[in-house]
Amino acid sequence: MGPSNRNSPTDAPARPFRPGPIGSLVKAPLPASLRTPAQQVIRLILKTVLFNKAGAELTPSPSEPRIGVRRVLPPYLGEMGYEVKYHLARVEPWLRNGWKIIARRPEFYPPGTVVDAPEFLAAIDTILGEQVVFGAGAGIFAPPSELVDLTISPHLTGDSIEVEIRLADLHKITREAVTEIRLRQLFLDWLDYEGRPLTEYDRNLFSFSETCVAESDIRLSESLRPTYRPTAFETPVEPMVPHVGFQIRKVKQLGLKRNSDADWMCATATAMGEHLGLPVIAYGHPDGCHIPEGFQATWREAEGGQGHLARELGYLRSCRLMLGPDSGWTDLMAWLGVPVLLELIRFPMAFEGLRDSFEPRIALTDRALPLGPQIDALLASDHRLPMDDPRKGGLSKAMFPWEY
């Protein structure tokens, strides 16, 4: 007896496929992973219109850059986690070849490679604020007022196909186009000079094509570990005794569902310290974190953030275990070699790119099991992650010849 056909009655003959009439309309929603490439087409059209309306005057490059230093790269504008996982290793060859960089977190870069440019960074913040744009993923993101209504409608006409793109939230794309124009003009005003090459690095840094919302290639790629660690980590400016650390995530803009349960974090961090016989220190900055009362903390209100990141990097040299949030803070721990027990994780593959180069020790806390054995197992491991990426299995690779 042959296999049954579960898609039709067993006693009914299968109906042959017959194409619909020429010119029939097929509608399909555009997947979220393809929204940005499609929107880039709209952005190109808008930029062309804006260029022609503005009547922009094209002028030659100056003999010397306004910033006063040649061969300076524009700053990375995305989230810290992606800076650690992808950007640092990507920019390191440039820095080792004599280039310098403007950076929001200069402590992450080799000594002597960062140009101090507070006016330039303030001008960027003004542009982003006016256009309601945020750093997100590995780039910048303009949140829509509501979910973008974006569909594709292929028209099949004989041997050809015409694709119509319908985009409801044109205001969002206009904001992105204006933001890119203003950021790139700012780059030319400050960093350009006669003879400076215009590179793909420059284009990518001031582009909306690499945000986590777009599920872009950079989010799915493998991470590369920088060949160095921060100077403030290797040579602490303020040494600290061995301890357990924790950070309570409390952002106000994006990814609110990944924010921490402050009470649970405080109680669990205390239990971790008791298990290991170590003091507990709360890490974090009020802009994005909750600073709990009753704990020693890295934040010092009286100093207003001065030297805060350098101090934290120095403390982390002695951190034996971190209770971490689902954020880029955990990526930083992977770079520094600090094991992490995660409070939660919404996207289990978020840290998978760290596996090969960083060999992190990251485990998800199981709240139904005793905490002590979980701590001991993590500290005894060479490297581990909460899950394996199914895309690295044989079946996924078997489709490689047919990928587009």
Protein backbone atom coordinates (compact mmCIF):
# COMPACT_ATOMS: atom_id res chain seq x y z
CA MET A 1 0.00 0.00 0.00
CA GLY A 2 1.50 3.30 -1.09
CA PRO A 3 1.70 6.43 0.99
CA SER A 4 -1.51 8.38 1.42
CA ASN A 5 -2.00 11.87 0.08
CA ARG A 6 -2.78 14.00 3.11
CA ASN A 7 -3.59 17.07 1.04
CA SER A 8 -6.60 15.62 -0.80
CA PRO A 9 -9.14 12.77 -0.38
CA THR A 10 -7.53 9.43 -1.11
CA ASP A 11 -10.10 8.56 -3.76
CA ALA A 12 -9.95 11.87 -5.63
CA PRO A 13 -7.48 12.32 -8.50
CA ALA A 14 -4.91 15.05 -8.12
CA ARG A 15 -5.85 18.15 -10.12
CA PRO A 16 -3.19 19.36 -12.55
CA PHE A 17 -1.82 22.87 -12.03
CA ARG A 18 -3.15 25.41 -14.52
CA PRO A 19 -1.72 28.93 -14.57
CA GLY A 20 -4.16 31.78 -14.17
CA PRO A 21 -4.91 34.25 -16.92
CA ILE A 22 -2.12 36.46 -18.22
CA GLY A 23 -1.97 39.69 -16.24
CA SER A 24 -3.41 38.23 -13.03
CA LEU A 25 -2.30 40.00 -9.83
CA VAL A 26 -0.38 38.12 -7.12
CA LYS A 27 0.05 39.88 -3.77
CA ALA A 28 2.59 38.97 -1.11
CA PRO A 29 3.68 40.83 2.02
CA LEU A 30 7.33 41.74 1.94
CA PRO A 31 9.21 39.91 4.74
CA ALA A 32 10.72 42.08 7.45
CA SER A 33 14.16 40.79 6.46
CA LEU A 34 13.78 42.39 3.02
CA ARG A 35 12.22 45.70 3.99
CA THR A 36 15.40 47.74 4.02
CA PRO A 37 16.65 46.69 0.52
CA ALA A 38 13.24 47.60 -0.91
CA GLN A 39 13.13 50.85 1.02
CA GLN A 40 16.58 51.73 -0.29
CA VAL A 41 15.03 52.01 -3.76
CA ILE A 42 12.49 54.52 -2.44
CA ARG A 43 15.26 56.35 -0.57
CA LEU A 44 17.26 56.65 -3.81
CA ILE A 45 14.29 58.23 -5.56
CA LEU A 46 13.70 60.64 -2.69
CA LYS A 47 17.35 61.67 -2.57
CA THR A 48 17.29 62.40 -6.30
CA VAL A 49 14.20 64.57 -5.87
CA LEU A 50 15.68 66.38 -2.87
CA PHE A 51 18.97 66.98 -4.70
CA ASN A 52 17.18 68.53 -7.69
CA LYS A 53 14.91 70.65 -5.47
CA ALA A 54 17.75 71.90 -3.28
CA GLY A 55 19.94 72.91 -6.19
CA ALA A 56 22.94 71.86 -4.11
CA GLU A 57 26.17 73.53 -5.11
CA LEU A 58 28.95 71.02 -5.68
CA THR A 59 32.26 72.39 -4.40
CA PRO A 60 35.79 70.91 -4.45
CA SER A 61 37.36 69.43 -1.34
CA PRO A 62 39.40 71.73 0.93
CA SER A 63 43.17 71.38 1.08
CA GLU A 64 43.03 70.39 4.79
CA PRO A 65 40.19 68.92 6.91
CA ARG A 66 38.33 71.14 9.36
CA ILE A 67 39.02 68.65 12.16
CA GLY A 68 42.74 69.39 11.82
CA VAL A 69 43.89 65.77 11.29
CA ARG A 70 44.05 63.82 8.04
CA ARG A 71 42.85 60.24 7.56
CA VAL A 72 40.09 60.28 10.18
CA LEU A 73 37.21 57.80 10.04
CA PRO A 74 33.65 58.77 11.02
CA PRO A 75 32.22 57.40 14.28
CA TYR A 76 30.25 54.22 14.74
CA LEU A 77 26.68 55.17 15.72
CA GLY A 78 25.09 51.82 16.63
CA GLU A 79 24.69 49.80 19.81
CA MET A 80 27.60 48.79 22.02
CA GLY A 81 27.08 45.06 21.51
CA TYR A 82 27.46 45.30 17.75
CA GLU A 83 30.44 47.59 18.21
CA VAL A 84 32.15 44.81 20.17
CA LYS A 85 31.01 41.92 17.98
CA TYR A 86 31.59 43.43 14.56
CA HIS A 87 32.84 46.99 14.39
CA LEU A 88 36.06 46.82 16.39
CA ALA A 89 37.59 44.02 14.32
CA ARG A 90 36.31 45.67 11.14
CA VAL A 91 38.00 49.00 11.89
CA GLU A 92 41.18 47.63 13.48
CA PRO A 93 43.05 47.14 10.15
CA TRP A 94 42.38 50.79 9.29
CA LEU A 95 43.79 51.93 12.64
CA ARG A 96 46.86 49.74 12.23
CA ASN A 97 47.45 51.38 8.85
CA GLY A 98 47.68 54.87 10.27
CA TRP A 99 44.03 55.98 10.25
CA LYS A 100 42.32 57.48 13.28
CA ILE A 101 38.68 57.45 14.36
CA ILE A 102 36.11 59.56 16.18
CA ALA A 103 34.41 57.42 18.84
CA ARG A 104 31.63 57.68 21.41
CA ARG A 105 33.44 55.05 23.50
CA PRO A 106 37.14 55.86 22.99
CA GLU A 107 38.07 53.39 25.76
CA PHE A 108 37.38 50.53 23.32
CA TYR A 109 40.07 51.59 20.83
CA PRO A 110 43.87 51.28 20.87
CA PRO A 111 45.79 54.18 22.47
CA GLY A 112 46.50 57.08 20.15
CA THR A 113 43.89 56.13 17.54
CA VAL A 114 40.95 58.28 18.69
CA VAL A 115 40.48 61.93 17.75
CA ASP A 116 38.61 63.99 20.34
CA ALA A 117 35.79 65.79 18.49
CA PRO A 118 32.97 66.78 20.88
CA GLU A 119 31.59 69.44 18.49
CA PHE A 120 31.32 66.89 15.66
CA LEU A 121 29.53 64.36 17.90
CA ALA A 122 27.21 67.09 19.21
CA ALA A 123 26.32 68.02 15.62
CA ILE A 124 25.48 64.36 14.91
CA ASP A 125 23.26 64.20 17.99
CA THR A 126 21.44 67.33 16.84
CA ILE A 127 20.70 65.78 13.44
CA LEU A 128 19.54 62.48 14.93
CA GLY A 129 17.38 64.26 17.50
CA GLU A 130 15.68 66.50 14.94
CA GLN A 131 14.87 63.54 12.68
CA VAL A 132 13.87 61.21 15.59
CA VAL A 133 16.60 58.67 14.75
CA PHE A 134 18.36 56.34 17.20
CA GLY A 135 21.43 54.13 17.23
CA ALA A 136 20.15 50.55 16.79
CA GLY A 137 21.87 47.31 15.96
CA ALA A 138 24.95 48.02 13.90
CA GLY A 139 23.71 51.36 12.59
CA ILE A 140 20.92 53.90 12.87
CA PHE A 141 17.16 53.42 12.89
CA ALA A 142 14.19 55.72 12.31
CA PRO A 143 11.23 54.23 14.18
CA PRO A 144 7.89 54.52 12.37
CA SER A 145 4.76 55.81 14.07
CA GLU A 146 3.30 52.37 13.45
CA LEU A 147 4.24 49.18 11.61
CA VAL A 148 5.21 50.04 8.06
CA ASP A 149 2.64 48.91 5.47
CA LEU A 150 4.92 47.59 2.76
CA THR A 151 3.81 45.05 0.14
CA ILE A 152 4.89 43.86 -3.25
CA SER A 153 2.50 43.11 -6.11
CA PRO A 154 4.00 41.18 -9.04
CA HIS A 155 2.11 41.47 -12.34
CA LEU A 156 2.75 38.43 -14.55
CA THR A 157 2.53 39.44 -18.20
CA GLY A 158 3.69 36.72 -20.54
CA ASP A 159 7.44 36.30 -20.29
CA SER A 160 7.98 39.40 -18.14
CA ILE A 161 7.12 40.48 -14.61
CA GLU A 162 6.40 43.95 -13.30
CA VAL A 163 6.72 44.57 -9.56
CA GLU A 164 4.79 47.35 -7.86
CA ILE A 165 5.94 48.41 -4.38
CA ARG A 166 3.40 50.05 -2.09
CA LEU A 167 4.83 51.93 0.87
CA ALA A 168 2.43 53.52 3.35
CA ASP A 169 4.85 55.25 5.73
CA LEU A 170 6.64 57.57 3.31
CA HIS A 171 7.40 60.01 6.14
CA LYS A 172 9.77 57.48 7.76
CA ILE A 173 11.71 56.97 4.53
CA THR A 174 11.89 60.73 4.01
CA ARG A 175 13.38 61.15 7.50
CA GLU A 176 15.96 58.48 6.72
CA ALA A 177 16.89 60.11 3.41
CA VAL A 178 17.24 63.57 5.00
CA THR A 179 19.27 62.11 7.89
CA GLU A 180 21.70 60.37 5.55
CA ILE A 181 22.14 63.54 3.49
CA ARG A 182 22.81 65.70 6.54
CA LEU A 183 25.19 63.19 8.18
CA ARG A 184 27.20 62.76 5.00
CA GLN A 185 27.36 66.52 4.46
CA LEU A 186 28.61 66.88 8.03
CA PHE A 187 31.27 64.26 7.26
CA LEU A 188 32.41 66.27 4.23
CA ASP A 189 32.43 69.55 6.20
CA TRP A 190 34.68 68.12 8.95
CA LEU A 191 36.70 65.15 7.66
CA ASP A 192 37.13 65.63 3.91
CA TYR A 193 40.16 67.07 2.16
CA GLU A 194 41.64 66.96 -1.30
CA GLY A 195 42.98 63.43 -1.90
CA ARG A 196 41.02 61.64 0.85
CA PRO A 197 39.44 58.46 -0.54
CA LEU A 198 35.68 58.04 -0.13
CA THR A 199 35.37 54.45 1.09
CA GLU A 200 32.61 51.91 1.64
CA TYR A 201 33.36 52.30 5.33
CA ASP A 202 32.24 55.93 5.10
CA ARG A 203 29.08 54.98 3.22
CA ASN A 204 28.10 52.19 5.61
CA LEU A 205 28.54 54.26 8.77
CA PHE A 206 26.08 56.88 7.51
CA SER A 207 23.53 54.48 6.05
CA PHE A 208 20.31 52.84 7.15
CA SER A 209 21.20 49.60 5.33
CA GLU A 210 22.74 47.95 8.42
CA THR A 211 20.29 48.09 11.31
CA CYS A 212 19.18 45.23 13.48
CA VAL A 213 15.57 45.98 12.57
CA ALA A 214 16.36 45.11 8.96
CA GLU A 215 17.84 41.71 9.91
CA SER A 216 20.81 42.67 7.79
CA ASP A 217 23.82 40.60 6.86
CA ILE A 218 25.96 41.99 9.67
CA ARG A 219 23.52 40.64 12.27
CA LEU A 220 23.77 37.13 10.84
CA SER A 221 27.50 37.04 10.21
CA GLU A 222 30.28 35.61 12.34
CA SER A 223 32.04 37.90 14.76
CA LEU A 224 35.77 38.50 14.75
CA ARG A 225 37.57 39.23 17.99
CA PRO A 226 39.90 42.26 18.09
CA THR A 227 43.54 41.37 18.60
CA TYR A 228 43.69 43.58 21.69
CA ARG A 229 41.70 44.31 24.83
CA PRO A 230 40.97 47.79 26.20
CA THR A 231 43.89 49.48 27.94
CA ALA A 232 41.66 50.33 30.91
CA PHE A 233 40.95 46.60 31.30
CA GLU A 234 44.57 45.47 30.96
CA THR A 235 45.86 48.23 33.25
CA PRO A 236 43.05 49.28 35.62
CA VAL A 237 43.12 52.89 36.75
CA GLU A 238 41.30 51.79 39.91
CA PRO A 239 41.88 48.11 40.78
CA MET A 240 39.08 46.15 42.45
CA VAL A 241 38.97 42.97 44.53
CA PRO A 242 37.49 39.78 43.02
CA HIS A 243 33.71 40.09 42.95
CA VAL A 244 30.39 39.18 41.34
CA GLY A 245 28.90 41.82 39.06
CA PHE A 246 25.42 42.51 37.74
CA GLN A 247 23.75 45.08 35.53
CA ILE A 248 20.03 45.97 35.48
CA ARG A 249 18.84 46.99 32.00
CA LYS A 250 16.33 49.86 31.90
CA VAL A 251 16.17 51.51 28.49
CA LYS A 252 13.41 53.96 27.58
CA GLN A 253 13.35 53.80 23.77
CA LEU A 254 13.82 50.46 22.03
CA GLY A 255 13.70 46.81 23.11
CA LEU A 256 11.66 47.46 26.23
CA LYS A 257 10.74 43.77 26.57
CA ARG A 258 14.40 43.02 27.27
CA ASN A 259 14.48 45.29 30.32
CA SER A 260 15.39 43.66 33.62
CA ASP A 261 13.33 42.63 36.61
CA ALA A 262 15.22 44.74 39.15
CA ASP A 263 14.04 42.84 42.23
CA TRP A 264 14.96 39.45 40.74
CA MET A 265 18.36 40.73 39.59
CA CYS A 266 19.24 42.11 43.02
CA ALA A 267 18.17 38.92 44.81
CA THR A 268 19.95 36.63 42.34
CA ALA A 269 23.17 38.65 42.35
CA THR A 270 23.18 38.52 46.15
CA ALA A 271 22.73 34.73 46.04
CA MET A 272 25.56 34.40 43.52
CA GLY A 273 27.87 36.40 45.78
CA GLU A 274 26.96 34.23 48.76
CA HIS A 275 27.57 31.03 46.77
CA LEU A 276 31.04 32.16 45.72
CA GLY A 277 31.88 34.02 48.92
CA LEU A 278 32.49 37.25 46.99
CA PRO A 279 31.23 40.84 47.28
CA VAL A 280 28.65 42.06 44.74
CA ILE A 281 28.99 45.19 42.59
CA ALA A 282 26.27 46.84 40.48
CA TYR A 283 27.45 48.02 37.05
CA GLY A 284 25.74 50.47 34.73
CA HIS A 285 24.98 54.07 33.80
CA PRO A 286 21.65 55.76 34.66
CA ASP A 287 21.13 56.38 30.94
CA GLY A 288 19.98 52.84 30.15
CA CYS A 289 20.38 51.08 33.50
CA HIS A 290 18.81 51.03 36.97
CA ILE A 291 21.32 51.72 39.75
CA PRO A 292 20.01 49.82 42.82
CA GLU A 293 20.32 51.12 46.35
CA GLY A 294 22.15 49.12 48.99
CA PHE A 295 24.91 47.84 46.64
CA GLN A 296 28.38 49.06 45.88
CA ALA A 297 28.13 50.53 42.36
CA THR A 298 30.45 51.68 39.61
CA TRP A 299 28.32 54.79 39.00
CA ARG A 300 29.31 57.93 40.90
CA GLU A 301 26.72 60.66 40.70
CA ALA A 302 29.09 63.33 41.99
CA GLU A 303 31.47 62.74 39.07
CA GLY A 304 28.71 62.95 36.44
CA GLY A 305 29.97 60.06 34.36
CA GLN A 306 33.54 61.29 34.12
CA GLY A 307 35.79 58.24 33.69
CA HIS A 308 32.85 55.88 34.24
CA LEU A 309 33.52 53.40 31.41
CA ALA A 310 37.26 53.28 32.11
CA ARG A 311 36.52 52.55 35.77
CA GLU A 312 34.09 49.76 34.85
CA LEU A 313 36.60 48.18 32.47
CA GLY A 314 39.17 48.19 35.26
CA TYR A 315 36.73 46.61 37.71
CA LEU A 316 35.83 43.92 35.17
CA ARG A 317 39.43 42.72 35.28
CA SER A 318 38.56 41.24 38.71
CA CYS A 319 34.98 40.19 37.98
CA ARG A 320 34.64 36.43 38.44
CA LEU A 321 31.02 36.15 37.30
CA MET A 322 28.47 38.53 35.79
CA LEU A 323 24.69 38.36 36.08
CA GLY A 324 23.94 39.96 32.76
CA PRO A 325 20.94 41.38 30.94
CA ASP A 326 19.93 40.51 27.39
CA SER A 327 21.99 43.31 25.87
CA GLY A 328 25.31 44.35 24.41
CA TRP A 329 26.76 44.28 27.92
CA THR A 330 26.97 40.49 27.54
CA ASP A 331 28.86 40.90 24.24
CA LEU A 332 31.37 43.08 26.08
CA MET A 333 31.82 40.33 28.70
CA ALA A 334 32.61 37.87 25.91
CA TRP A 335 35.40 40.15 24.65
CA LEU A 336 36.85 40.53 28.15
CA GLY A 337 36.51 36.85 29.06
CA VAL A 338 34.02 37.33 31.92
CA PRO A 339 31.50 34.43 32.28
CA VAL A 340 27.84 35.48 32.22
CA LEU A 341 24.64 34.06 33.64
CA LEU A 342 21.85 35.64 31.59
CA GLU A 343 18.69 36.93 33.20
CA LEU A 344 16.69 36.28 30.02
CA ILE A 345 17.13 36.04 26.28
CA ARG A 346 14.47 36.92 23.72
CA PHE A 347 16.43 35.88 20.63
CA PRO A 348 18.48 32.77 21.50
CA MET A 349 20.79 33.12 18.50
CA ALA A 350 21.73 36.72 19.38
CA PHE A 351 25.12 35.66 20.75
CA GLU A 352 25.82 32.82 18.32
CA GLY A 353 28.19 34.92 16.21
CA LEU A 354 30.55 35.05 19.21
CA ARG A 355 31.05 31.28 19.33
CA ASP A 356 34.11 30.67 17.16
CA SER A 357 36.30 33.75 17.68
CA PHE A 358 35.33 34.83 21.21
CA GLU A 359 34.64 31.38 22.76
CA PRO A 360 32.38 32.97 25.41
CA ARG A 361 30.98 31.43 28.57
CA ILE A 362 27.31 32.43 28.53
CA ALA A 363 24.46 30.45 30.07
CA LEU A 364 20.78 31.24 30.54
CA THR A 365 19.60 31.06 34.15
CA ASP A 366 17.05 28.31 34.71
CA ARG A 367 14.83 29.70 37.45
CA ALA A 368 13.26 26.30 38.11
CA LEU A 369 16.60 24.77 39.18
CA PRO A 370 18.98 25.50 42.07
CA LEU A 371 21.32 28.38 41.26
CA GLY A 372 24.53 26.98 42.77
CA PRO A 373 25.03 24.04 40.38
CA GLN A 374 24.38 26.35 37.41
CA ILE A 375 27.11 28.70 38.61
CA ASP A 376 29.56 25.84 39.13
CA ALA A 377 28.85 24.31 35.71
CA LEU A 378 29.37 27.64 33.93
CA LEU A 379 32.64 28.38 35.70
CA ALA A 380 33.91 24.87 34.98
CA SER A 381 33.22 25.12 31.23
CA ASP A 382 35.74 26.20 28.60
CA HIS A 383 33.09 27.93 26.53
CA ARG A 384 29.34 27.63 26.09
CA LEU A 385 26.28 29.41 24.71
CA PRO A 386 22.56 29.06 25.47
CA MET A 387 21.83 27.20 22.22
CA ASP A 388 23.25 25.95 18.93
CA ASP A 389 22.49 27.81 15.73
CA PRO A 390 20.49 25.51 13.41
CA ARG A 391 21.76 27.49 10.42
CA LYS A 392 25.19 25.89 10.99
CA GLY A 393 23.80 22.38 10.52
CA GLY A 394 24.07 20.22 7.44
CA LEU A 395 20.54 20.79 6.16
CA SER A 396 20.98 24.55 6.11
CA LYS A 397 24.30 24.25 4.32
CA ALA A 398 22.83 21.80 1.83
CA MET A 399 20.71 24.67 0.49
CA PHE A 400 23.80 26.81 -0.15
CA PRO A 401 24.02 26.08 -3.92
CA TRP A 402 20.45 27.34 -4.37
CA GLU A 403 20.63 30.50 -2.26
CA TYR A 404 20.03 33.79 -4.02
